[in-house]
């Protein structure tokens, strides 16, 4: 299993702590340190939808100029912004053996763990 995110993100910290306490092995891909793989991100956009993967509620999005924000109208334009500004990617994204997840919800993750989907 692979967890994608940013090391200092509070939500990512909670997700990683959850996995560690549940003894779920994973590798961590830090967008800031390891970069963003455009092809992998495109797969997540196709699976979850660009409007889900692009975090418009975050500080980074709100700090972007209006022209950049207005330019995001589809998956291709969203990908460009997320590649240039990795902090606009919703975190974490978990690439699992059974199922992929986006965001962290402890109740959903606990259920997924019990169902064997989080591994």
PDB file of N, CA and C in Angstrom:
ATOM      1  N   UNK A   1       0.844  -1.166   0.000  1.00  0.00           N
ATOM      2  CA  UNK A   1       0.000   0.000   0.000  1.00  0.00           C
ATOM      3  C   UNK A   1       0.893   1.233   0.000  1.00  0.00           C
ATOM      4  N   UNK A   2       0.429   2.264  -0.682  1.00  0.00           N
ATOM      5  CA  UNK A   2       1.199   3.493  -0.772  1.00  0.00           C
ATOM      6  C   UNK A   2       0.306   4.668  -0.393  1.00  0.00           C
ATOM      7  N   UNK A   3       0.831   5.522   0.464  1.00  0.00           N
ATOM      8  CA  UNK A   3       0.119   6.709   0.909  1.00  0.00           C
ATOM      9  C   UNK A   3       0.787   7.919   0.274  1.00  0.00           C
ATOM     10  N   UNK A   4      -0.005   8.739  -0.409  1.00  0.00           N
ATOM     11  CA  UNK A   4       0.488   9.952  -1.055  1.00  0.00           C
ATOM     12  C   UNK A   4       0.004  11.156  -0.258  1.00  0.00           C
ATOM     13  N   UNK A   5       0.902  12.092  -0.031  1.00  0.00           N
ATOM     14  CA  UNK A   5       0.512  13.288   0.688  1.00  0.00           C
ATOM     15  C   UNK A   5       1.700  14.182   0.952  1.00  0.00           C
ATOM     16  N   UNK A   6       1.566  14.992   1.978  1.00  0.00           N
ATOM     17  CA  UNK A   6       2.615  15.909   2.408  1.00  0.00           C
ATOM     18  C   UNK A   6       2.869  15.638   3.882  1.00  0.00           C
ATOM     19  N   UNK A   7       4.118  15.418   4.212  1.00  0.00           N
ATOM     20  CA  UNK A   7       4.513  14.975   5.551  1.00  0.00           C
ATOM     21  C   UNK A   7       3.956  15.855   6.677  1.00  0.00           C
ATOM     22  N   UNK A   8       3.949  17.152   6.481  1.00  0.00           N
ATOM     23  CA  UNK A   8       3.537  18.065   7.547  1.00  0.00           C
ATOM     24  C   UNK A   8       2.035  18.323   7.611  1.00  0.00           C
ATOM     25  N   UNK A   9       1.268  17.731   6.715  1.00  0.00           N
ATOM     26  CA  UNK A   9      -0.182  17.913   6.694  1.00  0.00           C
ATOM     27  C   UNK A   9      -0.806  17.191   7.896  1.00  0.00           C
ATOM     28  N   UNK A  10      -1.632  17.889   8.653  1.00  0.00           N
ATOM     29  CA  UNK A  10      -2.256  17.298   9.841  1.00  0.00           C
ATOM     30  C   UNK A  10      -3.109  16.081   9.503  1.00  0.00           C
ATOM     31  N   UNK A  11      -3.845  16.139   8.402  1.00  0.00           N
ATOM     32  CA  UNK A  11      -4.692  15.010   8.013  1.00  0.00           C
ATOM     33  C   UNK A  11      -3.840  13.804   7.644  1.00  0.00           C
ATOM     34  N   UNK A  12      -2.750  14.036   6.959  1.00  0.00           N
ATOM     35  CA  UNK A  12      -1.841  12.945   6.604  1.00  0.00           C
ATOM     36  C   UNK A  12      -1.224  12.350   7.864  1.00  0.00           C
ATOM     37  N   UNK A  13      -0.875  13.195   8.807  1.00  0.00           N
ATOM     38  CA  UNK A  13      -0.320  12.705  10.080  1.00  0.00           C
ATOM     39  C   UNK A  13      -1.318  11.789  10.785  1.00  0.00           C
ATOM     40  N   UNK A  14      -2.585  12.182  10.805  1.00  0.00           N
ATOM     41  CA  UNK A  14      -3.626  11.357  11.438  1.00  0.00           C
ATOM     42  C   UNK A  14      -3.790  10.026  10.707  1.00  0.00           C
ATOM     43  N   UNK A  15      -3.786  10.083   9.387  1.00  0.00           N
ATOM     44  CA  UNK A  15      -3.946   8.864   8.578  1.00  0.00           C
ATOM     45  C   UNK A  15      -2.769   7.914   8.801  1.00  0.00           C
ATOM     46  N   UNK A  16      -1.573   8.456   8.807  1.00  0.00           N
ATOM     47  CA  UNK A  16      -0.393   7.612   9.011  1.00  0.00           C
ATOM     48  C   UNK A  16      -0.394   6.999  10.412  1.00  0.00           C
ATOM     49  N   UNK A  17      -0.796   7.784  11.401  1.00  0.00           N
ATOM     50  CA  UNK A  17      -0.879   7.269  12.775  1.00  0.00           C
ATOM     51  C   UNK A  17      -1.895   6.136  12.842  1.00  0.00           C
ATOM     52  N   UNK A  18      -3.038   6.310  12.189  1.00  0.00           N
ATOM     53  CA  UNK A  18      -4.072   5.276  12.146  1.00  0.00           C
ATOM     54  C   UNK A  18      -3.495   3.984  11.577  1.00  0.00           C
ATOM     55  N   UNK A  19      -2.818   4.076  10.444  1.00  0.00           N
ATOM     56  CA  UNK A  19      -2.253   2.889   9.796  1.00  0.00           C
ATOM     57  C   UNK A  19      -1.187   2.231  10.672  1.00  0.00           C
ATOM     58  N   UNK A  20      -0.353   3.040  11.290  1.00  0.00           N
ATOM     59  CA  UNK A  20       0.699   2.487  12.148  1.00  0.00           C
ATOM     60  C   UNK A  20       0.107   1.789  13.371  1.00  0.00           C
ATOM     61  N   UNK A  21      -0.906   2.394  13.987  1.00  0.00           N
ATOM     62  CA  UNK A  21      -1.545   1.779  15.152  1.00  0.00           C
ATOM     63  C   UNK A  21      -2.285   0.496  14.780  1.00  0.00           C
ATOM     64  N   UNK A  22      -2.742   0.409  13.524  1.00  0.00           N
ATOM     65  CA  UNK A  22      -3.439  -0.793  13.050  1.00  0.00           C
ATOM     66  C   UNK A  22      -2.462  -1.811  12.461  1.00  0.00           C
ATOM     67  N   UNK A  23      -1.177  -1.526  12.540  1.00  0.00           N
ATOM     68  CA  UNK A  23      -0.133  -2.402  11.986  1.00  0.00           C
ATOM     69  C   UNK A  23      -0.332  -2.685  10.505  1.00  0.00           C
ATOM     70  N   UNK A  24      -0.733  -1.662   9.768  1.00  0.00           N
ATOM     71  CA  UNK A  24      -0.895  -1.790   8.320  1.00  0.00           C
ATOM     72  C   UNK A  24       0.378  -1.252   7.664  1.00  0.00           C
ATOM     73  N   UNK A  25       1.123  -2.119   6.983  1.00  0.00           N
ATOM     74  CA  UNK A  25       2.357  -1.649   6.342  1.00  0.00           C
ATOM     75  C   UNK A  25       2.047  -0.785   5.120  1.00  0.00           C
ATOM     76  N   UNK A  26       2.849   0.242   4.922  1.00  0.00           N
ATOM     77  CA  UNK A  26       2.671   1.133   3.781  1.00  0.00           C
ATOM     78  C   UNK A  26       3.984   1.852   3.501  1.00  0.00           C
ATOM     79  N   UNK A  27       4.077   2.391   2.312  1.00  0.00           N
ATOM     80  CA  UNK A  27       5.168   3.304   1.990  1.00  0.00           C
ATOM     81  C   UNK A  27       4.553   4.679   1.815  1.00  0.00           C
ATOM     82  N   UNK A  28       5.349   5.699   2.080  1.00  0.00           N
ATOM     83  CA  UNK A  28       4.845   7.068   2.018  1.00  0.00           C
ATOM     84  C   UNK A  28       5.535   7.822   0.893  1.00  0.00           C
ATOM     85  N   UNK A  29       4.732   8.481   0.083  1.00  0.00           N
ATOM     86  CA  UNK A  29       5.232   9.317  -0.999  1.00  0.00           C
ATOM     87  C   UNK A  29       4.883  10.761  -0.657  1.00  0.00           C
ATOM     88  N   UNK A  30       5.915  11.552  -0.368  1.00  0.00           N
ATOM     89  CA  UNK A  30       5.736  12.959  -0.005  1.00  0.00           C
ATOM     90  C   UNK A  30       5.828  13.806  -1.274  1.00  0.00           C
ATOM     91  N   UNK A  31       4.730  14.465  -1.634  1.00  0.00           N
ATOM     92  CA  UNK A  31       4.713  15.282  -2.844  1.00  0.00           C
ATOM     93  C   UNK A  31       5.785  16.362  -2.817  1.00  0.00           C
ATOM     94  N   UNK A  32       6.052  16.929  -1.659  1.00  0.00           N
ATOM     95  CA  UNK A  32       7.052  18.002  -1.560  1.00  0.00           C
ATOM     96  C   UNK A  32       8.463  17.468  -1.778  1.00  0.00           C
ATOM     97  N   UNK A  33       8.741  16.297  -1.235  1.00  0.00           N
ATOM     98  CA  UNK A  33      10.088  15.717  -1.318  1.00  0.00           C
ATOM     99  C   UNK A  33      10.280  14.874  -2.573  1.00  0.00           C
ATOM    100  N   UNK A  34       9.270  14.055  -2.901  1.00  0.00           N
ATOM    101  CA  UNK A  34       9.398  13.087  -3.989  1.00  0.00           C
ATOM    102  C   UNK A  34       8.788  13.548  -5.305  1.00  0.00           C
ATOM    103  N   UNK A  35       8.085  14.675  -5.293  1.00  0.00           N
ATOM    104  CA  UNK A  35       7.460  15.186  -6.499  1.00  0.00           C
ATOM    105  C   UNK A  35       6.112  14.540  -6.782  1.00  0.00           C
ATOM    106  N   UNK A  36       5.476  15.017  -7.827  1.00  0.00           N
ATOM    107  CA  UNK A  36       4.165  14.524  -8.233  1.00  0.00           C
ATOM    108  C   UNK A  36       4.315  13.824  -9.578  1.00  0.00           C
ATOM    109  N   UNK A  37       3.899  12.574  -9.631  1.00  0.00           N
ATOM    110  CA  UNK A  37       3.910  11.809 -10.874  1.00  0.00           C
ATOM    111  C   UNK A  37       2.617  12.138 -11.621  1.00  0.00           C
ATOM    112  N   UNK A  38       2.744  12.844 -12.743  1.00  0.00           N
ATOM    113  CA  UNK A  38       1.567  13.294 -13.487  1.00  0.00           C
ATOM    114  C   UNK A  38       0.682  12.129 -13.924  1.00  0.00           C
ATOM    115  N   UNK A  39       1.295  11.031 -14.360  1.00  0.00           N
ATOM    116  CA  UNK A  39       0.509   9.880 -14.813  1.00  0.00           C
ATOM    117  C   UNK A  39      -0.276   9.259 -13.658  1.00  0.00           C
ATOM    118  N   UNK A  40       0.362   9.140 -12.500  1.00  0.00           N
ATOM    119  CA  UNK A  40      -0.313   8.586 -11.319  1.00  0.00           C
ATOM    120  C   UNK A  40      -1.444   9.515 -10.880  1.00  0.00           C
ATOM    121  N   UNK A  41      -1.170  10.813 -10.877  1.00  0.00           N
ATOM    122  CA  UNK A  41      -2.193  11.777 -10.494  1.00  0.00           C
ATOM    123  C   UNK A  41      -3.379  11.721 -11.465  1.00  0.00           C
ATOM    124  N   UNK A  42      -3.090  11.532 -12.733  1.00  0.00           N
ATOM    125  CA  UNK A  42      -4.160  11.423 -13.740  1.00  0.00           C
ATOM    126  C   UNK A  42      -5.037  10.199 -13.474  1.00  0.00           C
ATOM    127  N   UNK A  43      -4.433   9.121 -13.000  1.00  0.00           N
ATOM    128  CA  UNK A  43      -5.206   7.928 -12.645  1.00  0.00           C
ATOM    129  C   UNK A  43      -6.150   8.237 -11.480  1.00  0.00           C
ATOM    130  N   UNK A  44      -5.645   8.945 -10.477  1.00  0.00           N
ATOM    131  CA  UNK A  44      -6.491   9.307  -9.338  1.00  0.00           C
ATOM    132  C   UNK A  44      -7.609  10.259  -9.765  1.00  0.00           C
ATOM    133  N   UNK A  45      -7.296  11.185 -10.665  1.00  0.00           N
ATOM    134  CA  UNK A  45      -8.316  12.115 -11.174  1.00  0.00           C
ATOM    135  C   UNK A  45      -9.393  11.344 -11.920  1.00  0.00           C
ATOM    136  N   UNK A  46      -8.987  10.359 -12.705  1.00  0.00           N
ATOM    137  CA  UNK A  46      -9.969   9.548 -13.442  1.00  0.00           C
ATOM    138  C   UNK A  46     -10.847   8.751 -12.474  1.00  0.00           C
ATOM    139  N   UNK A  47     -10.231   8.215 -11.417  1.00  0.00           N
ATOM    140  CA  UNK A  47     -10.981   7.400 -10.459  1.00  0.00           C
ATOM    141  C   UNK A  47     -11.912   8.226  -9.575  1.00  0.00           C
ATOM    142  N   UNK A  48     -11.401   9.325  -9.025  1.00  0.00           N
ATOM    143  CA  UNK A  48     -12.161  10.092  -8.036  1.00  0.00           C
ATOM    144  C   UNK A  48     -12.833  11.342  -8.609  1.00  0.00           C
ATOM    145  N   UNK A  49     -12.404  11.785  -9.784  1.00  0.00           N
ATOM    146  CA  UNK A  49     -12.903  13.036 -10.362  1.00  0.00           C
ATOM    147  C   UNK A  49     -11.988  14.193  -9.992  1.00  0.00           C
ATOM    148  N   UNK A  50     -11.730  15.063 -10.962  1.00  0.00           N
ATOM    149  CA  UNK A  50     -10.791  16.166 -10.712  1.00  0.00           C
ATOM    150  C   UNK A  50     -11.287  17.108  -9.635  1.00  0.00           C
ATOM    151  N   UNK A  51     -12.599  17.270  -9.532  1.00  0.00           N
ATOM    152  CA  UNK A  51     -13.147  18.185  -8.536  1.00  0.00           C
ATOM    153  C   UNK A  51     -13.032  17.631  -7.115  1.00  0.00           C
ATOM    154  N   UNK A  52     -12.783  16.330  -6.983  1.00  0.00           N
ATOM    155  CA  UNK A  52     -12.527  15.726  -5.666  1.00  0.00           C
ATOM    156  C   UNK A  52     -11.043  15.780  -5.332  1.00  0.00           C
ATOM    157  N   UNK A  53     -10.205  15.498  -6.322  1.00  0.00           N
ATOM    158  CA  UNK A  53      -8.758  15.465  -6.083  1.00  0.00           C
ATOM    159  C   UNK A  53      -8.206  16.870  -5.870  1.00  0.00           C
ATOM    160  N   UNK A  54      -8.750  17.853  -6.559  1.00  0.00           N
ATOM    161  CA  UNK A  54      -8.322  19.243  -6.380  1.00  0.00           C
ATOM    162  C   UNK A  54      -8.980  19.805  -5.125  1.00  0.00           C
ATOM    163  N   UNK A  55      -8.168  20.153  -4.143  1.00  0.00           N
ATOM    164  CA  UNK A  55      -8.680  20.656  -2.870  1.00  0.00           C
ATOM    165  C   UNK A  55      -8.873  22.166  -2.938  1.00  0.00           C
ATOM    166  N   UNK A  56     -10.111  22.582  -3.204  1.00  0.00           N
ATOM    167  CA  UNK A  56     -10.419  24.008  -3.288  1.00  0.00           C
ATOM    168  C   UNK A  56     -10.698  24.626  -1.923  1.00  0.00           C
ATOM    169  N   UNK A  57     -10.685  23.814  -0.882  1.00  0.00           N
ATOM    170  CA  UNK A  57     -10.921  24.337   0.469  1.00  0.00           C
ATOM    171  C   UNK A  57      -9.634  24.720   1.183  1.00  0.00           C
ATOM    172  N   UNK A  58      -8.512  24.314   0.637  1.00  0.00           N
ATOM    173  CA  UNK A  58      -7.232  24.523   1.301  1.00  0.00           C
ATOM    174  C   UNK A  58      -6.667  25.923   1.123  1.00  0.00           C
ATOM    175  N   UNK A  59      -5.718  26.231   1.962  1.00  0.00           N
ATOM    176  CA  UNK A  59      -5.056  27.534   1.951  1.00  0.00           C
ATOM    177  C   UNK A  59      -4.351  27.789   0.626  1.00  0.00           C
ATOM    178  N   UNK A  60      -3.691  26.788   0.086  1.00  0.00           N
ATOM    179  CA  UNK A  60      -2.942  26.987  -1.161  1.00  0.00           C
ATOM    180  C   UNK A  60      -3.871  27.416  -2.288  1.00  0.00           C
ATOM    181  N   UNK A  61      -5.011  26.756  -2.415  1.00  0.00           N
ATOM    182  CA  UNK A  61      -5.977  27.137  -3.457  1.00  0.00           C
ATOM    183  C   UNK A  61      -6.445  28.573  -3.250  1.00  0.00           C
ATOM    184  N   UNK A  62      -6.773  28.923  -2.028  1.00  0.00           N
ATOM    185  CA  UNK A  62      -7.279  30.278  -1.748  1.00  0.00           C
ATOM    186  C   UNK A  62      -6.222  31.349  -2.019  1.00  0.00           C
ATOM    187  N   UNK A  63      -4.966  30.975  -1.952  1.00  0.00           N
ATOM    188  CA  UNK A  63      -3.883  31.940  -2.197  1.00  0.00           C
ATOM    189  C   UNK A  63      -3.548  32.086  -3.681  1.00  0.00           C
ATOM    190  N   UNK A  64      -4.052  31.188  -4.515  1.00  0.00           N
ATOM    191  CA  UNK A  64      -3.802  31.311  -5.953  1.00  0.00           C
ATOM    192  C   UNK A  64      -4.541  32.526  -6.499  1.00  0.00           C
ATOM    193  N   UNK A  65      -3.967  33.148  -7.512  1.00  0.00           N
ATOM    194  CA  UNK A  65      -4.632  34.318  -8.098  1.00  0.00           C
ATOM    195  C   UNK A  65      -5.924  33.901  -8.794  1.00  0.00           C
ATOM    196  N   UNK A  66      -6.803  34.854  -8.975  1.00  0.00           N
ATOM    197  CA  UNK A  66      -8.129  34.572  -9.545  1.00  0.00           C
ATOM    198  C   UNK A  66      -8.049  33.986 -10.947  1.00  0.00           C
ATOM    199  N   UNK A  67      -7.089  34.437 -11.744  1.00  0.00           N
ATOM    200  CA  UNK A  67      -6.949  33.922 -13.105  1.00  0.00           C
ATOM    201  C   UNK A  67      -6.605  32.426 -13.097  1.00  0.00           C
ATOM    202  N   UNK A  68      -5.705  32.035 -12.195  1.00  0.00           N
ATOM    203  CA  UNK A  68      -5.334  30.621 -12.095  1.00  0.00           C
ATOM    204  C   UNK A  68      -6.538  29.802 -11.653  1.00  0.00           C
ATOM    205  N   UNK A  69      -7.243  30.272 -10.646  1.00  0.00           N
ATOM    206  CA  UNK A  69      -8.431  29.560 -10.181  1.00  0.00           C
ATOM    207  C   UNK A  69      -9.464  29.439 -11.300  1.00  0.00           C
ATOM    208  N   UNK A  70      -9.691  30.539 -12.020  1.00  0.00           N
ATOM    209  CA  UNK A  70     -10.693  30.540 -13.093  1.00  0.00           C
ATOM    210  C   UNK A  70     -10.285  29.643 -14.256  1.00  0.00           C
ATOM    211  N   UNK A  71      -8.986  29.384 -14.399  1.00  0.00           N
ATOM    212  CA  UNK A  71      -8.516  28.559 -15.517  1.00  0.00           C
ATOM    213  C   UNK A  71      -8.824  27.074 -15.328  1.00  0.00           C
ATOM    214  N   UNK A  72      -9.193  26.685 -14.123  1.00  0.00           N
ATOM    215  CA  UNK A  72      -9.477  25.276 -13.843  1.00  0.00           C
ATOM    216  C   UNK A  72     -10.933  24.984 -14.193  1.00  0.00           C
ATOM    217  N   UNK A  73     -11.107  24.316 -15.341  1.00  0.00           N
ATOM    218  CA  UNK A  73     -12.454  24.048 -15.833  1.00  0.00           C
ATOM    219  C   UNK A  73     -12.674  22.573 -16.184  1.00  0.00           C
ATOM    220  N   UNK A  74     -11.579  21.792 -16.160  1.00  0.00           N
ATOM    221  CA  UNK A  74     -11.692  20.375 -16.519  1.00  0.00           C
ATOM    222  C   UNK A  74     -10.500  19.624 -15.925  1.00  0.00           C
ATOM    223  N   UNK A  75     -10.454  18.334 -16.207  1.00  0.00           N
ATOM    224  CA  UNK A  75      -9.395  17.495 -15.635  1.00  0.00           C
ATOM    225  C   UNK A  75      -8.005  17.952 -16.070  1.00  0.00           C
ATOM    226  N   UNK A  76      -7.849  18.307 -17.334  1.00  0.00           N
ATOM    227  CA  UNK A  76      -6.532  18.707 -17.836  1.00  0.00           C
ATOM    228  C   UNK A  76      -6.031  19.972 -17.139  1.00  0.00           C
ATOM    229  N   UNK A  77      -6.888  20.957 -17.009  1.00  0.00           N
ATOM    230  CA  UNK A  77      -6.465  22.209 -16.363  1.00  0.00           C
ATOM    231  C   UNK A  77      -6.259  22.003 -14.862  1.00  0.00           C
ATOM    232  N   UNK A  78      -7.048  21.138 -14.246  1.00  0.00           N
ATOM    233  CA  UNK A  78      -6.865  20.836 -12.825  1.00  0.00           C
ATOM    234  C   UNK A  78      -5.529  20.141 -12.600  1.00  0.00           C
ATOM    235  N   UNK A  79      -5.185  19.200 -13.484  1.00  0.00           N
ATOM    236  CA  UNK A  79      -3.899  18.503 -13.383  1.00  0.00           C
ATOM    237  C   UNK A  79      -2.737  19.485 -13.454  1.00  0.00           C
ATOM    238  N   UNK A  80      -2.810  20.441 -14.365  1.00  0.00           N
ATOM    239  CA  UNK A  80      -1.737  21.429 -14.495  1.00  0.00           C
ATOM    240  C   UNK A  80      -1.519  22.186 -13.188  1.00  0.00           C
ATOM    241  N   UNK A  81      -2.611  22.619 -12.583  1.00  0.00           N
ATOM    242  CA  UNK A  81      -2.510  23.374 -11.326  1.00  0.00           C
ATOM    243  C   UNK A  81      -1.967  22.487 -10.219  1.00  0.00           C
ATOM    244  N   UNK A  82      -2.439  21.239 -10.133  1.00  0.00           N
ATOM    245  CA  UNK A  82      -1.978  20.339  -9.069  1.00  0.00           C
ATOM    246  C   UNK A  82      -0.503  19.969  -9.233  1.00  0.00           C
ATOM    247  N   UNK A  83      -0.047  19.836 -10.471  1.00  0.00           N
ATOM    248  CA  UNK A  83       1.372  19.536 -10.709  1.00  0.00           C
ATOM    249  C   UNK A  83       2.217  20.727 -10.268  1.00  0.00           C
ATOM    250  N   UNK A  84       1.775  21.913 -10.604  1.00  0.00           N
ATOM    251  CA  UNK A  84       2.536  23.125 -10.249  1.00  0.00           C
ATOM    252  C   UNK A  84       2.434  23.461  -8.762  1.00  0.00           C
ATOM    253  N   UNK A  85       1.300  23.119  -8.149  1.00  0.00           N
ATOM    254  CA  UNK A  85       1.052  23.429  -6.735  1.00  0.00           C
ATOM    255  C   UNK A  85       0.578  22.159  -6.016  1.00  0.00           C
ATOM    256  N   UNK A  86       1.503  21.269  -5.634  1.00  0.00           N
ATOM    257  CA  UNK A  86       1.132  19.989  -5.027  1.00  0.00           C
ATOM    258  C   UNK A  86       0.267  20.107  -3.768  1.00  0.00           C
ATOM    259  N   UNK A  87       0.332  21.229  -3.098  1.00  0.00           N
ATOM    260  CA  UNK A  87      -0.488  21.405  -1.891  1.00  0.00           C
ATOM    261  C   UNK A  87      -1.967  21.537  -2.209  1.00  0.00           C
ATOM    262  N   UNK A  88      -2.313  21.649  -3.493  1.00  0.00           N
ATOM    263  CA  UNK A  88      -3.731  21.708  -3.863  1.00  0.00           C
ATOM    264  C   UNK A  88      -4.327  20.313  -4.065  1.00  0.00           C
ATOM    265  N   UNK A  89      -3.519  19.277  -3.897  1.00  0.00           N
ATOM    266  CA  UNK A  89      -4.013  17.914  -4.029  1.00  0.00           C
ATOM    267  C   UNK A  89      -4.614  17.476  -2.701  1.00  0.00           C
ATOM    268  N   UNK A  90      -5.840  16.979  -2.737  1.00  0.00           N
ATOM    269  CA  UNK A  90      -6.491  16.481  -1.517  1.00  0.00           C
ATOM    270  C   UNK A  90      -5.657  15.355  -0.932  1.00  0.00           C
ATOM    271  N   UNK A  91      -5.541  15.371   0.390  1.00  0.00           N
ATOM    272  CA  UNK A  91      -4.674  14.407   1.066  1.00  0.00           C
ATOM    273  C   UNK A  91      -5.385  13.724   2.205  1.00  0.00           C
ATOM    274  N   UNK A  92      -4.935  12.510   2.475  1.00  0.00           N
ATOM    275  CA  UNK A  92      -4.048  11.677   1.679  1.00  0.00           C
ATOM    276  C   UNK A  92      -4.814  10.958   0.574  1.00  0.00           C
ATOM    277  N   UNK A  93      -4.057  10.447  -0.373  1.00  0.00           N
ATOM    278  CA  UNK A  93      -4.594   9.489  -1.341  1.00  0.00           C
ATOM    279  C   UNK A  93      -3.887   8.182  -1.031  1.00  0.00           C
ATOM    280  N   UNK A  94      -4.667   7.130  -0.854  1.00  0.00           N
ATOM    281  CA  UNK A  94      -4.103   5.824  -0.518  1.00  0.00           C
ATOM    282  C   UNK A  94      -4.336   4.880  -1.684  1.00  0.00           C
ATOM    283  N   UNK A  95      -3.242   4.338  -2.166  1.00  0.00           N
ATOM    284  CA  UNK A  95      -3.294   3.353  -3.244  1.00  0.00           C
ATOM    285  C   UNK A  95      -3.150   1.989  -2.584  1.00  0.00           C
ATOM    286  N   UNK A  96      -4.259   1.287  -2.489  1.00  0.00           N
ATOM    287  CA  UNK A  96      -4.270   0.004  -1.810  1.00  0.00           C
ATOM    288  C   UNK A  96      -4.278  -1.161  -2.778  1.00  0.00           C
ATOM    289  N   UNK A  97      -4.066  -2.344  -2.231  1.00  0.00           N
ATOM    290  CA  UNK A  97      -4.085  -3.552  -3.045  1.00  0.00           C
ATOM    291  C   UNK A  97      -5.501  -3.901  -3.469  1.00  0.00           C
ATOM    292  N   UNK A  98      -6.477  -3.530  -2.634  1.00  0.00           N
ATOM    293  CA  UNK A  98      -7.870  -3.878  -2.896  1.00  0.00           C
ATOM    294  C   UNK A  98      -8.660  -2.672  -3.400  1.00  0.00           C
ATOM    295  N   UNK A  99      -8.424  -1.517  -2.786  1.00  0.00           N
ATOM    296  CA  UNK A  99      -9.230  -0.339  -3.066  1.00  0.00           C
ATOM    297  C   UNK A  99      -8.390   0.907  -2.804  1.00  0.00           C
ATOM    298  N   UNK A 100      -8.685   1.983  -3.524  1.00  0.00           N
ATOM    299  CA  UNK A 100      -8.017   3.259  -3.292  1.00  0.00           C
ATOM    300  C   UNK A 100      -8.931   4.157  -2.463  1.00  0.00           C
ATOM    301  N   UNK A 101      -8.317   5.041  -1.686  1.00  0.00           N
ATOM    302  CA  UNK A 101      -9.057   5.957  -0.824  1.00  0.00           C
ATOM    303  C   UNK A 101      -8.526   7.367  -1.019  1.00  0.00           C
ATOM    304  N   UNK A 102      -9.397   8.349  -0.807  1.00  0.00           N
ATOM    305  CA  UNK A 102      -8.965   9.736  -0.827  1.00  0.00           C
ATOM    306  C   UNK A 102      -9.531  10.416   0.413  1.00  0.00           C
ATOM    307  N   UNK A 103      -8.683  11.183   1.077  1.00  0.00           N
ATOM    308  CA  UNK A 103      -9.074  11.824   2.329  1.00  0.00           C
ATOM    309  C   UNK A 103      -8.993  10.840   3.480  1.00  0.00           C
ATOM    310  N   UNK A 104      -9.149  11.360   4.676  1.00  0.00           N
ATOM    311  CA  UNK A 104      -9.086  10.503   5.858  1.00  0.00           C
ATOM    312  C   UNK A 104     -10.357  10.653   6.677  1.00  0.00           C
ATOM    313  N   UNK A 105     -11.054   9.552   6.860  1.00  0.00           N
ATOM    314  CA  UNK A 105     -12.229   9.478   7.720  1.00  0.00           C
ATOM    315  C   UNK A 105     -12.030   8.241   8.584  1.00  0.00           C
ATOM    316  N   UNK A 106     -11.738   8.420   9.879  1.00  0.00           N
ATOM    317  CA  UNK A 106     -11.417   7.271  10.722  1.00  0.00           C
ATOM    318  C   UNK A 106     -12.496   6.200  10.758  1.00  0.00           C
ATOM    319  N   UNK A 107     -13.760   6.586  10.709  1.00  0.00           N
ATOM    320  CA  UNK A 107     -14.839   5.601  10.748  1.00  0.00           C
ATOM    321  C   UNK A 107     -14.827   4.762   9.469  1.00  0.00           C
ATOM    322  N   UNK A 108     -14.734   5.414   8.327  1.00  0.00           N
ATOM    323  CA  UNK A 108     -14.688   4.688   7.054  1.00  0.00           C
ATOM    324  C   UNK A 108     -13.450   3.815   6.963  1.00  0.00           C
ATOM    325  N   UNK A 109     -12.342   4.330   7.438  1.00  0.00           N
ATOM    326  CA  UNK A 109     -11.104   3.558   7.385  1.00  0.00           C
ATOM    327  C   UNK A 109     -11.179   2.350   8.306  1.00  0.00           C
ATOM    328  N   UNK A 110     -11.816   2.510   9.461  1.00  0.00           N
ATOM    329  CA  UNK A 110     -11.966   1.386  10.395  1.00  0.00           C
ATOM    330  C   UNK A 110     -12.820   0.300   9.749  1.00  0.00           C
ATOM    331  N   UNK A 111     -13.903   0.708   9.085  1.00  0.00           N
ATOM    332  CA  UNK A 111     -14.760  -0.256   8.399  1.00  0.00           C
ATOM    333  C   UNK A 111     -13.999  -0.940   7.272  1.00  0.00           C
ATOM    334  N   UNK A 112     -13.224  -0.166   6.516  1.00  0.00           N
ATOM    335  CA  UNK A 112     -12.436  -0.727   5.425  1.00  0.00           C
ATOM    336  C   UNK A 112     -11.390  -1.701   5.942  1.00  0.00           C
ATOM    337  N   UNK A 113     -10.831  -1.391   7.097  1.00  0.00           N
ATOM    338  CA  UNK A 113      -9.850  -2.275   7.724  1.00  0.00           C
ATOM    339  C   UNK A 113     -10.497  -3.599   8.091  1.00  0.00           C
ATOM    340  N   UNK A 114     -11.701  -3.532   8.683  1.00  0.00           N
ATOM    341  CA  UNK A 114     -12.430  -4.745   9.071  1.00  0.00           C
ATOM    342  C   UNK A 114     -12.824  -5.574   7.847  1.00  0.00           C
ATOM    343  N   UNK A 115     -13.122  -4.917   6.738  1.00  0.00           N
ATOM    344  CA  UNK A 115     -13.504  -5.618   5.508  1.00  0.00           C
ATOM    345  C   UNK A 115     -12.314  -6.098   4.690  1.00  0.00           C
ATOM    346  N   UNK A 116     -11.116  -5.740   5.143  1.00  0.00           N
ATOM    347  CA  UNK A 116      -9.915  -6.133   4.431  1.00  0.00           C
ATOM    348  C   UNK A 116      -9.632  -5.296   3.202  1.00  0.00           C
ATOM    349  N   UNK A 117     -10.287  -4.133   3.089  1.00  0.00           N
ATOM    350  CA  UNK A 117     -10.083  -3.266   1.938  1.00  0.00           C
ATOM    351  C   UNK A 117      -8.883  -2.349   2.115  1.00  0.00           C
ATOM    352  N   UNK A 118      -8.471  -2.169   3.334  1.00  0.00           N
ATOM    353  CA  UNK A 118      -7.359  -1.254   3.631  1.00  0.00           C
ATOM    354  C   UNK A 118      -6.121  -2.081   3.910  1.00  0.00           C
ATOM    355  N   UNK A 119      -5.458  -2.453   2.827  1.00  0.00           N
ATOM    356  CA  UNK A 119      -4.225  -3.238   2.982  1.00  0.00           C
ATOM    357  C   UNK A 119      -3.355  -3.061   1.768  1.00  0.00           C
TER     358      UNK A 119
END
